[in-house]
Amino acid sequence: MSETSLCDDIARLGKSLFDRGLTFGSTGNISVKTEDGWLMTPTSASLGDLDPARISRLDSTGTHIGGDVPTKESFLHSAMYGQRPDARAIAHLHSTHSVAVSCLNDIDHADVLPPLTAYFVMRIGTLPLIPYFPPGDIDLARAVGEMAGKHHVVRLANHGPVVAGKSLTDAVHAIEELEMTAKLFLALRSMRTRPLSPAQMAEIHHRFPTIS
């Protein structure tokens, strides 16, 4: 696929996420790998109003070579790509329910959400929580990099999720599934729940082994 088509896809899916309330203001960022680098949403840009011609272009070292200045959270994408050679796209949002769960005091930092649905197991799997770091802190990139080799999705404490996918569509679908599961989790917190059992999860992984 050409860079022009990829830029169009970033703008189209960014607007879809914005229009459905999964991101707001100028929060959130998306990137897609190319043959010799990657494309990324610009800094301070709204995902609801992206101009494909102004999408940031970076070379394989992460150096800005075209378009507007890339998002200031590009280091999160670089850390994830560095540990996941199979990743072709990354989405990072500050989606409300996902952030809300990351602020709770009594969640399991090794696996933040229970397996409430089959699609969560298929698209997310185990979800670790990265400790809080101030925005732009290089230690945040190191923490993401340490987890990225084993997990294609991580949640940043008091911040939001970072999701890698084998395509841009895969990354967007996974971050949407994560937000909906976070919403379910919060709605059910005062009730007795019945998450999927280890045997049911194993069956899902057996049936859908290629889904990240």
N, C-alpha and C. Protein backbone atom coordinates (compact mmCIF):
# COMPACT_ATOMS: atom_id res chain seq x y z
N MET A 1 0.84 -1.20 0.00
CA MET A 1 0.00 0.00 0.00
C MET A 1 0.88 1.25 0.00
N SER A 2 0.50 2.27 -0.77
CA SER A 2 1.30 3.48 -0.88
C SER A 2 1.20 4.31 0.39
N GLU A 3 2.18 5.22 0.59
CA GLU A 3 2.14 6.11 1.75
C GLU A 3 0.90 6.99 1.72
N THR A 4 0.50 7.40 0.53
CA THR A 4 -0.70 8.24 0.41
C THR A 4 -1.92 7.51 0.93
N SER A 5 -2.05 6.24 0.56
CA SER A 5 -3.19 5.44 1.02
C SER A 5 -3.13 5.23 2.53
N LEU A 6 -1.92 4.99 3.06
CA LEU A 6 -1.77 4.80 4.50
C LEU A 6 -2.14 6.08 5.26
N CYS A 7 -1.73 7.23 4.74
CA CYS A 7 -2.08 8.50 5.38
C CYS A 7 -3.59 8.71 5.36
N ASP A 8 -4.22 8.34 4.26
CA ASP A 8 -5.68 8.44 4.18
C ASP A 8 -6.34 7.54 5.22
N ASP A 9 -5.80 6.34 5.41
CA ASP A 9 -6.36 5.41 6.39
C ASP A 9 -6.19 5.96 7.81
N ILE A 10 -5.04 6.54 8.10
CA ILE A 10 -4.82 7.12 9.44
C ILE A 10 -5.85 8.21 9.71
N ALA A 11 -6.08 9.08 8.72
CA ALA A 11 -7.05 10.17 8.89
C ALA A 11 -8.46 9.62 9.04
N ARG A 12 -8.80 8.62 8.24
CA ARG A 12 -10.16 8.06 8.27
C ARG A 12 -10.45 7.39 9.61
N LEU A 13 -9.51 6.55 10.07
CA LEU A 13 -9.74 5.84 11.32
C LEU A 13 -9.61 6.77 12.52
N GLY A 14 -8.74 7.77 12.43
CA GLY A 14 -8.65 8.75 13.49
C GLY A 14 -9.95 9.49 13.68
N LYS A 15 -10.59 9.88 12.58
CA LYS A 15 -11.87 10.58 12.66
C LYS A 15 -12.95 9.66 13.23
N SER A 16 -12.91 8.39 12.86
CA SER A 16 -13.89 7.44 13.38
C SER A 16 -13.76 7.31 14.90
N LEU A 17 -12.53 7.21 15.39
CA LEU A 17 -12.31 7.13 16.83
C LEU A 17 -12.78 8.40 17.53
N PHE A 18 -12.49 9.54 16.94
CA PHE A 18 -12.89 10.83 17.53
C PHE A 18 -14.41 10.98 17.54
N ASP A 19 -15.04 10.67 16.42
CA ASP A 19 -16.48 10.85 16.31
C ASP A 19 -17.25 9.97 17.28
N ARG A 20 -16.68 8.84 17.65
CA ARG A 20 -17.35 7.92 18.57
C ARG A 20 -16.93 8.12 20.01
N GLY A 21 -16.16 9.19 20.28
CA GLY A 21 -15.82 9.55 21.64
C GLY A 21 -14.71 8.74 22.28
N LEU A 22 -13.93 8.00 21.47
CA LEU A 22 -12.82 7.25 22.04
C LEU A 22 -11.57 8.10 22.23
N THR A 23 -11.59 9.30 21.67
CA THR A 23 -10.53 10.27 21.90
C THR A 23 -11.15 11.65 21.81
N PHE A 24 -10.45 12.65 22.26
CA PHE A 24 -11.04 13.99 22.35
C PHE A 24 -9.92 15.03 22.32
N GLY A 25 -10.31 16.28 22.00
CA GLY A 25 -9.31 17.34 21.93
C GLY A 25 -8.17 16.95 21.00
N SER A 26 -6.94 17.15 21.48
CA SER A 26 -5.77 16.78 20.69
C SER A 26 -5.07 15.56 21.29
N THR A 27 -5.82 14.75 22.05
CA THR A 27 -5.21 13.57 22.66
C THR A 27 -5.19 12.39 21.70
N GLY A 28 -4.31 11.45 21.97
CA GLY A 28 -4.21 10.24 21.18
C GLY A 28 -3.31 10.39 19.97
N ASN A 29 -2.73 9.28 19.54
CA ASN A 29 -1.86 9.28 18.37
C ASN A 29 -1.82 7.90 17.73
N ILE A 30 -1.53 7.89 16.45
CA ILE A 30 -1.53 6.68 15.63
C ILE A 30 -0.26 6.67 14.78
N SER A 31 0.31 5.50 14.58
CA SER A 31 1.44 5.38 13.66
C SER A 31 1.30 4.11 12.83
N VAL A 32 1.94 4.11 11.66
CA VAL A 32 1.94 2.95 10.76
C VAL A 32 3.34 2.80 10.18
N LYS A 33 3.85 1.58 10.16
CA LYS A 33 5.16 1.31 9.57
C LYS A 33 5.09 1.35 8.05
N THR A 34 6.17 1.82 7.43
CA THR A 34 6.33 1.76 5.99
C THR A 34 7.57 0.91 5.68
N GLU A 35 7.93 0.81 4.42
CA GLU A 35 9.09 -0.01 4.05
C GLU A 35 10.39 0.54 4.63
N ASP A 36 10.47 1.86 4.79
CA ASP A 36 11.73 2.46 5.24
C ASP A 36 11.56 3.42 6.41
N GLY A 37 10.48 3.26 7.16
CA GLY A 37 10.26 4.14 8.30
C GLY A 37 8.86 3.99 8.84
N TRP A 38 8.26 5.11 9.25
CA TRP A 38 6.89 5.07 9.70
C TRP A 38 6.21 6.41 9.55
N LEU A 39 4.88 6.35 9.53
CA LEU A 39 4.02 7.52 9.45
C LEU A 39 3.37 7.71 10.81
N MET A 40 3.15 8.99 11.20
CA MET A 40 2.63 9.24 12.54
C MET A 40 1.81 10.51 12.57
N THR A 41 0.79 10.53 13.44
CA THR A 41 0.00 11.74 13.60
C THR A 41 0.85 12.85 14.20
N PRO A 42 0.63 14.09 13.78
CA PRO A 42 1.45 15.21 14.25
C PRO A 42 1.15 15.60 15.69
N THR A 43 2.07 16.33 16.30
CA THR A 43 1.88 16.82 17.66
C THR A 43 0.73 17.82 17.72
N SER A 44 -0.02 17.78 18.80
CA SER A 44 -1.13 18.71 19.07
C SER A 44 -2.24 18.63 18.03
N ALA A 45 -2.28 17.56 17.24
CA ALA A 45 -3.32 17.41 16.22
C ALA A 45 -4.51 16.66 16.79
N SER A 46 -5.71 17.03 16.37
CA SER A 46 -6.91 16.29 16.74
C SER A 46 -7.09 15.12 15.78
N LEU A 47 -7.34 13.93 16.32
CA LEU A 47 -7.58 12.78 15.45
C LEU A 47 -8.86 12.96 14.64
N GLY A 48 -9.72 13.89 15.06
CA GLY A 48 -10.96 14.12 14.33
C GLY A 48 -10.80 15.04 13.14
N ASP A 49 -9.62 15.62 12.97
CA ASP A 49 -9.44 16.60 11.89
C ASP A 49 -8.03 16.52 11.32
N LEU A 50 -7.62 15.32 10.95
CA LEU A 50 -6.28 15.13 10.41
C LEU A 50 -6.25 15.42 8.92
N ASP A 51 -5.21 16.11 8.48
CA ASP A 51 -4.96 16.34 7.06
C ASP A 51 -3.95 15.30 6.60
N PRO A 52 -4.34 14.35 5.73
CA PRO A 52 -3.41 13.30 5.31
C PRO A 52 -2.09 13.84 4.77
N ALA A 53 -2.12 15.00 4.13
CA ALA A 53 -0.89 15.56 3.54
C ALA A 53 0.08 16.05 4.61
N ARG A 54 -0.40 16.23 5.84
CA ARG A 54 0.46 16.76 6.90
C ARG A 54 0.88 15.70 7.92
N ILE A 55 0.53 14.43 7.64
CA ILE A 55 0.96 13.33 8.51
C ILE A 55 2.49 13.33 8.58
N SER A 56 3.03 13.14 9.77
CA SER A 56 4.49 13.14 9.96
C SER A 56 5.11 11.90 9.32
N ARG A 57 6.28 12.08 8.74
CA ARG A 57 7.03 10.99 8.16
C ARG A 57 8.38 10.87 8.86
N LEU A 58 8.71 9.66 9.30
CA LEU A 58 9.97 9.41 10.00
C LEU A 58 10.72 8.29 9.30
N ASP A 59 12.07 8.34 9.35
CA ASP A 59 12.84 7.26 8.75
C ASP A 59 12.97 6.11 9.75
N SER A 60 13.73 5.10 9.39
CA SER A 60 13.83 3.89 10.23
C SER A 60 14.49 4.15 11.57
N THR A 61 15.19 5.27 11.72
CA THR A 61 15.81 5.61 12.99
C THR A 61 14.92 6.49 13.86
N GLY A 62 13.74 6.86 13.32
CA GLY A 62 12.84 7.74 14.07
C GLY A 62 13.09 9.21 13.82
N THR A 63 13.95 9.54 12.84
CA THR A 63 14.24 10.94 12.52
C THR A 63 13.12 11.52 11.66
N HIS A 64 12.66 12.70 12.00
CA HIS A 64 11.59 13.37 11.27
C HIS A 64 12.11 13.82 9.90
N ILE A 65 11.45 13.37 8.82
CA ILE A 65 11.93 13.70 7.48
C ILE A 65 10.87 14.38 6.61
N GLY A 66 9.64 14.51 7.11
CA GLY A 66 8.61 15.14 6.29
C GLY A 66 7.31 15.30 7.04
N GLY A 67 6.43 16.15 6.50
CA GLY A 67 5.16 16.42 7.16
C GLY A 67 5.34 17.26 8.40
N ASP A 68 4.30 17.40 9.18
CA ASP A 68 4.37 18.19 10.41
C ASP A 68 5.21 17.47 11.47
N VAL A 69 5.58 18.19 12.50
CA VAL A 69 6.34 17.61 13.61
C VAL A 69 5.52 16.49 14.25
N PRO A 70 6.12 15.31 14.49
CA PRO A 70 5.35 14.18 15.01
C PRO A 70 4.92 14.38 16.46
N THR A 71 3.94 13.57 16.87
CA THR A 71 3.48 13.62 18.25
C THR A 71 4.62 13.55 19.25
N LYS A 72 4.45 14.27 20.35
CA LYS A 72 5.48 14.27 21.38
C LYS A 72 5.55 12.93 22.11
N GLU A 73 4.59 12.04 21.87
CA GLU A 73 4.61 10.71 22.46
C GLU A 73 5.15 9.66 21.49
N SER A 74 5.91 10.12 20.50
CA SER A 74 6.45 9.19 19.51
C SER A 74 7.38 8.16 20.15
N PHE A 75 7.98 8.49 21.30
CA PHE A 75 8.88 7.56 21.96
C PHE A 75 8.15 6.29 22.42
N LEU A 76 6.84 6.40 22.70
CA LEU A 76 6.07 5.20 23.06
C LEU A 76 5.99 4.24 21.88
N HIS A 77 5.76 4.81 20.69
CA HIS A 77 5.68 4.00 19.48
C HIS A 77 7.04 3.37 19.17
N SER A 78 8.09 4.16 19.30
CA SER A 78 9.44 3.66 19.03
C SER A 78 9.80 2.51 19.96
N ALA A 79 9.43 2.64 21.24
CA ALA A 79 9.72 1.58 22.21
C ALA A 79 8.97 0.30 21.86
N MET A 80 7.73 0.44 21.44
CA MET A 80 6.93 -0.74 21.10
C MET A 80 7.44 -1.39 19.81
N TYR A 81 7.70 -0.60 18.78
CA TYR A 81 8.22 -1.16 17.52
C TYR A 81 9.56 -1.86 17.75
N GLY A 82 10.37 -1.30 18.63
CA GLY A 82 11.70 -1.86 18.87
C GLY A 82 11.66 -3.27 19.42
N GLN A 83 10.57 -3.62 20.11
CA GLN A 83 10.45 -4.94 20.72
C GLN A 83 9.49 -5.86 19.98
N ARG A 84 8.76 -5.31 19.00
CA ARG A 84 7.76 -6.12 18.30
C ARG A 84 7.95 -5.98 16.78
N PRO A 85 8.86 -6.77 16.21
CA PRO A 85 9.11 -6.67 14.78
C PRO A 85 7.91 -7.03 13.92
N ASP A 86 6.91 -7.73 14.51
CA ASP A 86 5.71 -8.09 13.76
C ASP A 86 4.70 -6.95 13.71
N ALA A 87 4.89 -5.93 14.52
CA ALA A 87 3.92 -4.82 14.58
C ALA A 87 4.04 -3.95 13.34
N ARG A 88 2.88 -3.61 12.75
CA ARG A 88 2.85 -2.72 11.59
C ARG A 88 2.15 -1.41 11.90
N ALA A 89 1.49 -1.32 13.07
CA ALA A 89 0.78 -0.10 13.43
C ALA A 89 0.60 -0.05 14.95
N ILE A 90 0.48 1.17 15.48
CA ILE A 90 0.29 1.37 16.91
C ILE A 90 -0.74 2.47 17.12
N ALA A 91 -1.64 2.24 18.08
CA ALA A 91 -2.61 3.25 18.47
C ALA A 91 -2.48 3.51 19.96
N HIS A 92 -2.49 4.78 20.34
CA HIS A 92 -2.43 5.18 21.75
C HIS A 92 -3.53 6.21 21.98
N LEU A 93 -4.46 5.89 22.89
CA LEU A 93 -5.56 6.79 23.20
C LEU A 93 -5.62 7.09 24.68
N HIS A 94 -6.31 8.18 25.02
CA HIS A 94 -6.62 8.50 26.42
C HIS A 94 -8.11 8.25 26.64
N SER A 95 -8.61 7.14 26.11
CA SER A 95 -10.05 6.83 26.15
C SER A 95 -10.53 6.71 27.60
N THR A 96 -11.71 7.27 27.85
CA THR A 96 -12.19 7.54 29.21
C THR A 96 -12.21 6.31 30.12
N HIS A 97 -12.85 5.23 29.69
CA HIS A 97 -12.99 4.07 30.58
C HIS A 97 -11.65 3.35 30.79
N SER A 98 -10.83 3.31 29.75
CA SER A 98 -9.51 2.69 29.91
C SER A 98 -8.65 3.48 30.89
N VAL A 99 -8.70 4.80 30.80
CA VAL A 99 -7.94 5.63 31.75
C VAL A 99 -8.51 5.46 33.15
N ALA A 100 -9.84 5.42 33.26
CA ALA A 100 -10.47 5.26 34.58
C ALA A 100 -9.98 4.00 35.28
N VAL A 101 -9.93 2.88 34.55
CA VAL A 101 -9.46 1.63 35.15
C VAL A 101 -8.00 1.77 35.59
N SER A 102 -7.20 2.48 34.81
CA SER A 102 -5.78 2.63 35.13
C SER A 102 -5.55 3.48 36.38
N CYS A 103 -6.59 4.17 36.85
CA CYS A 103 -6.49 5.01 38.05
C CYS A 103 -6.96 4.28 39.31
N LEU A 104 -7.54 3.09 39.17
CA LEU A 104 -8.06 2.36 40.32
C LEU A 104 -6.91 1.87 41.21
N ASN A 105 -7.18 1.79 42.49
CA ASN A 105 -6.15 1.44 43.46
C ASN A 105 -5.96 -0.06 43.63
N ASP A 106 -7.00 -0.86 43.36
CA ASP A 106 -6.97 -2.27 43.72
C ASP A 106 -6.96 -3.21 42.51
N ILE A 107 -6.38 -2.79 41.40
CA ILE A 107 -6.32 -3.66 40.22
C ILE A 107 -5.01 -4.46 40.22
N ASP A 108 -5.03 -5.56 39.52
CA ASP A 108 -3.85 -6.42 39.38
C ASP A 108 -2.92 -5.81 38.34
N HIS A 109 -1.76 -5.36 38.76
CA HIS A 109 -0.84 -4.70 37.83
C HIS A 109 -0.29 -5.65 36.77
N ALA A 110 -0.32 -6.94 37.03
CA ALA A 110 0.17 -7.91 36.04
C ALA A 110 -0.86 -8.21 34.97
N ASP A 111 -2.14 -8.00 35.30
CA ASP A 111 -3.22 -8.28 34.36
C ASP A 111 -4.43 -7.45 34.79
N VAL A 112 -4.59 -6.29 34.18
CA VAL A 112 -5.49 -5.25 34.70
C VAL A 112 -6.96 -5.63 34.61
N LEU A 113 -7.37 -6.28 33.52
CA LEU A 113 -8.78 -6.58 33.31
C LEU A 113 -9.03 -8.09 33.28
N PRO A 114 -10.15 -8.55 33.84
CA PRO A 114 -10.49 -9.98 33.75
C PRO A 114 -10.97 -10.33 32.35
N PRO A 115 -10.91 -11.61 31.97
CA PRO A 115 -11.36 -12.03 30.63
C PRO A 115 -12.89 -12.12 30.58
N LEU A 116 -13.53 -10.98 30.41
CA LEU A 116 -14.99 -10.94 30.43
C LEU A 116 -15.63 -11.46 29.15
N THR A 117 -14.96 -11.30 28.02
CA THR A 117 -15.52 -11.73 26.74
C THR A 117 -14.47 -12.47 25.90
N ALA A 118 -14.95 -13.27 24.96
CA ALA A 118 -14.05 -13.98 24.07
C ALA A 118 -13.22 -13.03 23.22
N TYR A 119 -13.82 -11.93 22.79
CA TYR A 119 -13.11 -11.01 21.91
C TYR A 119 -12.01 -10.26 22.65
N PHE A 120 -12.19 -10.04 23.94
CA PHE A 120 -11.11 -9.45 24.73
C PHE A 120 -9.92 -10.41 24.79
N VAL A 121 -10.21 -11.69 25.01
CA VAL A 121 -9.14 -12.69 25.05
C VAL A 121 -8.44 -12.77 23.70
N MET A 122 -9.20 -12.74 22.61
CA MET A 122 -8.64 -12.84 21.27
C MET A 122 -7.78 -11.64 20.91
N ARG A 123 -8.26 -10.44 21.23
CA ARG A 123 -7.60 -9.23 20.74
C ARG A 123 -6.63 -8.60 21.73
N ILE A 124 -6.79 -8.91 23.01
CA ILE A 124 -5.95 -8.27 24.02
C ILE A 124 -5.10 -9.30 24.75
N GLY A 125 -5.72 -10.30 25.36
CA GLY A 125 -4.98 -11.27 26.16
C GLY A 125 -4.63 -10.68 27.52
N THR A 126 -3.42 -10.95 27.98
CA THR A 126 -2.97 -10.40 29.26
C THR A 126 -2.63 -8.92 29.10
N LEU A 127 -3.06 -8.12 30.08
CA LEU A 127 -2.90 -6.66 29.98
C LEU A 127 -2.17 -6.12 31.20
N PRO A 128 -0.86 -5.86 31.10
CA PRO A 128 -0.11 -5.32 32.24
C PRO A 128 -0.27 -3.81 32.37
N LEU A 129 -0.08 -3.33 33.59
CA LEU A 129 -0.12 -1.90 33.87
C LEU A 129 1.31 -1.37 34.02
N ILE A 130 1.64 -0.35 33.24
CA ILE A 130 2.93 0.32 33.35
C ILE A 130 2.82 1.37 34.46
N PRO A 131 3.77 1.44 35.41
CA PRO A 131 3.69 2.44 36.48
C PRO A 131 3.62 3.86 35.92
N TYR A 132 3.12 4.78 36.73
CA TYR A 132 2.99 6.17 36.28
C TYR A 132 4.35 6.83 36.12
N PHE A 133 4.50 7.56 35.02
CA PHE A 133 5.62 8.45 34.78
C PHE A 133 5.06 9.74 34.20
N PRO A 134 5.69 10.88 34.46
CA PRO A 134 5.21 12.13 33.86
C PRO A 134 5.27 12.06 32.34
N PRO A 135 4.37 12.76 31.65
CA PRO A 135 4.40 12.78 30.18
C PRO A 135 5.77 13.19 29.66
N GLY A 136 6.25 12.45 28.67
CA GLY A 136 7.53 12.76 28.07
C GLY A 136 8.73 12.19 28.79
N ASP A 137 8.53 11.53 29.93
CA ASP A 137 9.64 10.97 30.70
C ASP A 137 10.24 9.78 29.94
N ILE A 138 11.54 9.79 29.75
CA ILE A 138 12.20 8.73 29.00
C ILE A 138 12.08 7.39 29.71
N ASP A 139 11.90 7.41 31.04
CA ASP A 139 11.73 6.16 31.77
C ASP A 139 10.42 5.46 31.39
N LEU A 140 9.45 6.23 30.92
CA LEU A 140 8.20 5.62 30.45
C LEU A 140 8.47 4.77 29.22
N ALA A 141 9.30 5.28 28.31
CA ALA A 141 9.65 4.50 27.12
C ALA A 141 10.38 3.22 27.51
N ARG A 142 11.28 3.31 28.49
CA ARG A 142 12.00 2.11 28.94
C ARG A 142 11.04 1.09 29.53
N ALA A 143 10.08 1.57 30.31
CA ALA A 143 9.11 0.66 30.94
C ALA A 143 8.23 -0.02 29.89
N VAL A 144 7.82 0.74 28.88
CA VAL A 144 7.02 0.16 27.80
C VAL A 144 7.85 -0.86 27.03
N GLY A 145 9.09 -0.52 26.75
CA GLY A 145 9.97 -1.44 26.03
C GLY A 145 10.18 -2.75 26.77
N GLU A 146 10.25 -2.69 28.10
CA GLU A 146 10.46 -3.90 28.90
C GLU A 146 9.26 -4.85 28.80
N MET A 147 8.08 -4.29 28.64
CA MET A 147 6.86 -5.11 28.57
C MET A 147 6.50 -5.50 27.14
N ALA A 148 6.92 -4.70 26.17
CA ALA A 148 6.44 -4.86 24.79
C ALA A 148 6.85 -6.18 24.15
N GLY A 149 7.94 -6.77 24.58
CA GLY A 149 8.37 -8.02 23.99
C GLY A 149 7.40 -9.16 24.27
N LYS A 150 6.67 -9.08 25.38
CA LYS A 150 5.74 -10.13 25.77
C LYS A 150 4.27 -9.74 25.58
N HIS A 151 4.00 -8.47 25.42
CA HIS A 151 2.62 -7.99 25.35
C HIS A 151 2.47 -6.98 24.21
N HIS A 152 1.47 -7.20 23.34
CA HIS A 152 1.24 -6.24 22.26
C HIS A 152 0.31 -5.10 22.71
N VAL A 153 -0.22 -5.21 23.94
CA VAL A 153 -1.04 -4.15 24.52
C VAL A 153 -0.57 -3.91 25.94
N VAL A 154 -0.35 -2.64 26.29
CA VAL A 154 -0.03 -2.27 27.67
C VAL A 154 -0.91 -1.08 28.06
N ARG A 155 -1.14 -0.94 29.35
CA ARG A 155 -1.91 0.21 29.84
C ARG A 155 -1.00 1.06 30.71
N LEU A 156 -0.95 2.35 30.44
CA LEU A 156 -0.14 3.28 31.21
C LEU A 156 -0.95 3.81 32.37
N ALA A 157 -0.43 3.74 33.58
CA ALA A 157 -1.15 4.19 34.76
C ALA A 157 -1.51 5.66 34.66
N ASN A 158 -2.78 5.98 34.94
CA ASN A 158 -3.27 7.37 34.92
C ASN A 158 -3.02 8.04 33.57
N HIS A 159 -3.10 7.25 32.50
CA HIS A 159 -2.74 7.79 31.18
C HIS A 159 -3.58 7.17 30.07
N GLY A 160 -3.37 5.89 29.77
CA GLY A 160 -4.13 5.27 28.69
C GLY A 160 -3.40 4.09 28.07
N PRO A 161 -4.04 3.38 27.14
CA PRO A 161 -3.44 2.19 26.53
C PRO A 161 -2.56 2.50 25.32
N VAL A 162 -1.61 1.58 25.08
CA VAL A 162 -0.81 1.58 23.87
C VAL A 162 -0.98 0.20 23.24
N VAL A 163 -1.42 0.16 21.98
CA VAL A 163 -1.78 -1.10 21.34
C VAL A 163 -1.03 -1.25 20.02
N ALA A 164 -0.34 -2.36 19.84
CA ALA A 164 0.33 -2.68 18.58
C ALA A 164 -0.49 -3.72 17.83
N GLY A 165 -0.53 -3.60 16.51
CA GLY A 165 -1.26 -4.56 15.69
C GLY A 165 -0.49 -4.93 14.44
N LYS A 166 -0.90 -6.03 13.80
CA LYS A 166 -0.26 -6.45 12.56
C LYS A 166 -0.72 -5.61 11.38
N SER A 167 -1.72 -4.76 11.63
CA SER A 167 -2.18 -3.78 10.65
C SER A 167 -2.81 -2.64 11.43
N LEU A 168 -3.07 -1.53 10.76
CA LEU A 168 -3.73 -0.41 11.42
C LEU A 168 -5.13 -0.80 11.87
N THR A 169 -5.83 -1.54 11.04
CA THR A 169 -7.18 -1.99 11.41
C THR A 169 -7.14 -2.87 12.65
N ASP A 170 -6.17 -3.79 12.73
CA ASP A 170 -6.04 -4.65 13.90
C ASP A 170 -5.80 -3.83 15.17
N ALA A 171 -4.92 -2.85 15.09
CA ALA A 171 -4.61 -2.02 16.26
C ALA A 171 -5.84 -1.24 16.71
N VAL A 172 -6.59 -0.69 15.76
CA VAL A 172 -7.79 0.08 16.10
C VAL A 172 -8.86 -0.83 16.69
N HIS A 173 -9.07 -1.99 16.09
CA HIS A 173 -10.07 -2.92 16.62
C HIS A 173 -9.72 -3.34 18.05
N ALA A 174 -8.44 -3.58 18.30
CA ALA A 174 -8.02 -4.01 19.64
C ALA A 174 -8.22 -2.89 20.66
N ILE A 175 -7.90 -1.66 20.31
CA ILE A 175 -8.06 -0.58 21.28
C ILE A 175 -9.53 -0.27 21.52
N GLU A 176 -10.38 -0.50 20.52
CA GLU A 176 -11.82 -0.37 20.71
C GLU A 176 -12.32 -1.46 21.66
N GLU A 177 -11.86 -2.70 21.46
CA GLU A 177 -12.26 -3.81 22.33
C GLU A 177 -11.81 -3.55 23.76
N LEU A 178 -10.63 -3.01 23.93
CA LEU A 178 -10.12 -2.69 25.25
C LEU A 178 -11.00 -1.66 25.95
N GLU A 179 -11.39 -0.62 25.24
CA GLU A 179 -12.23 0.42 25.83
C GLU A 179 -13.59 -0.14 26.22
N MET A 180 -14.19 -0.97 25.38
CA MET A 180 -15.50 -1.53 25.70
C MET A 180 -15.41 -2.49 26.88
N THR A 181 -14.32 -3.24 26.99
CA THR A 181 -14.15 -4.14 28.13
C THR A 181 -13.93 -3.35 29.42
N ALA A 182 -13.20 -2.25 29.34
CA ALA A 182 -13.03 -1.39 30.51
C ALA A 182 -14.37 -0.82 30.96
N LYS A 183 -15.20 -0.46 30.01
CA LYS A 183 -16.55 0.05 30.33
C LYS A 183 -17.38 -1.03 31.02
N LEU A 184 -17.33 -2.26 30.49
CA LEU A 184 -18.03 -3.38 31.12
C LEU A 184 -17.52 -3.63 32.54
N PHE A 185 -16.22 -3.62 32.69
CA PHE A 185 -15.60 -3.88 33.99
C PHE A 185 -16.07 -2.87 35.03
N LEU A 186 -16.09 -1.60 34.67
CA LEU A 186 -16.54 -0.57 35.61
C LEU A 186 -18.02 -0.71 35.92
N ALA A 187 -18.82 -1.08 34.93
CA ALA A 187 -20.25 -1.25 35.15
C ALA A 187 -20.56 -2.43 36.07
N LEU A 188 -19.68 -3.44 36.08
CA LEU A 188 -19.93 -4.66 36.84
C LEU A 188 -19.19 -4.72 38.17
N ARG A 189 -18.46 -3.66 38.53
CA ARG A 189 -17.59 -3.73 39.72
C ARG A 189 -18.35 -4.02 41.01
N SER A 190 -19.59 -3.59 41.11
CA SER A 190 -20.37 -3.82 42.33
C SER A 190 -21.16 -5.12 42.28
N MET A 191 -20.98 -5.91 41.23
CA MET A 191 -21.74 -7.14 41.06
C MET A 191 -20.81 -8.35 41.01
N ARG A 192 -21.34 -9.51 41.31
CA ARG A 192 -20.59 -10.75 41.14
C ARG A 192 -20.52 -11.06 39.65
N THR A 193 -19.33 -11.32 39.16
CA THR A 193 -19.16 -11.56 37.73
C THR A 193 -18.67 -12.99 37.48
N ARG A 194 -18.74 -13.41 36.23
CA ARG A 194 -18.33 -14.75 35.83
C ARG A 194 -17.39 -14.61 34.62
N PRO A 195 -16.11 -14.29 34.86
CA PRO A 195 -15.17 -14.22 33.74
C PRO A 195 -15.00 -15.58 33.07
N LEU A 196 -14.43 -15.59 31.90
CA LEU A 196 -14.14 -16.85 31.22
C LEU A 196 -13.12 -17.65 32.04
N SER A 197 -13.28 -18.95 32.03
CA SER A 197 -12.39 -19.84 32.78
C SER A 197 -11.09 -20.06 31.99
N PRO A 198 -10.03 -20.55 32.65
CA PRO A 198 -8.79 -20.88 31.92
C PRO A 198 -9.03 -21.85 30.78
N ALA A 199 -9.94 -22.83 30.97
CA ALA A 199 -10.23 -23.78 29.89
C ALA A 199 -10.92 -23.10 28.71
N GLN A 200 -11.83 -22.19 29.01
CA GLN A 200 -12.51 -21.45 27.93
C GLN A 200 -11.52 -20.55 27.20
N MET A 201 -10.60 -19.92 27.94
CA MET A 201 -9.59 -19.08 27.30
C MET A 201 -8.65 -19.91 26.43
N ALA A 202 -8.27 -21.10 26.91
CA ALA A 202 -7.39 -21.97 26.13
C ALA A 202 -8.05 -22.39 24.83
N GLU A 203 -9.36 -22.65 24.88
CA GLU A 203 -10.09 -23.02 23.66
C GLU A 203 -10.08 -21.87 22.65
N ILE A 204 -10.24 -20.65 23.14
CA ILE A 204 -10.22 -19.48 22.26
C ILE A 204 -8.86 -19.36 21.59
N HIS A 205 -7.79 -19.51 22.37
CA HIS A 205 -6.44 -19.40 21.79
C HIS A 205 -6.19 -20.52 20.78
N HIS A 206 -6.77 -21.69 21.02
CA HIS A 206 -6.61 -22.82 20.09
C HIS A 206 -7.36 -22.54 18.77
N ARG A 207 -8.56 -21.96 18.88
CA ARG A 207 -9.37 -21.70 17.69
C ARG A 207 -8.85 -20.52 16.89
N PHE A 208 -8.26 -19.54 17.56
CA PHE A 208 -7.83 -18.30 16.89
C PHE A 208 -6.37 -18.00 17.21
N PRO A 209 -5.45 -18.89 16.80
CA PRO A 209 -4.04 -18.73 17.18
C PRO A 209 -3.34 -17.57 16.50
N THR A 210 -3.91 -17.04 15.41
CA THR A 210 -3.19 -16.00 14.67
C THR A 210 -3.60 -14.60 15.09
N ILE A 211 -4.59 -14.47 15.99
CA ILE A 211 -5.04 -13.15 16.41
C ILE A 211 -4.18 -12.66 17.56
N SER A 212 -3.58 -11.48 17.42
CA SER A 212 -2.70 -10.95 18.46
C SER A 212 -3.51 -10.52 19.66
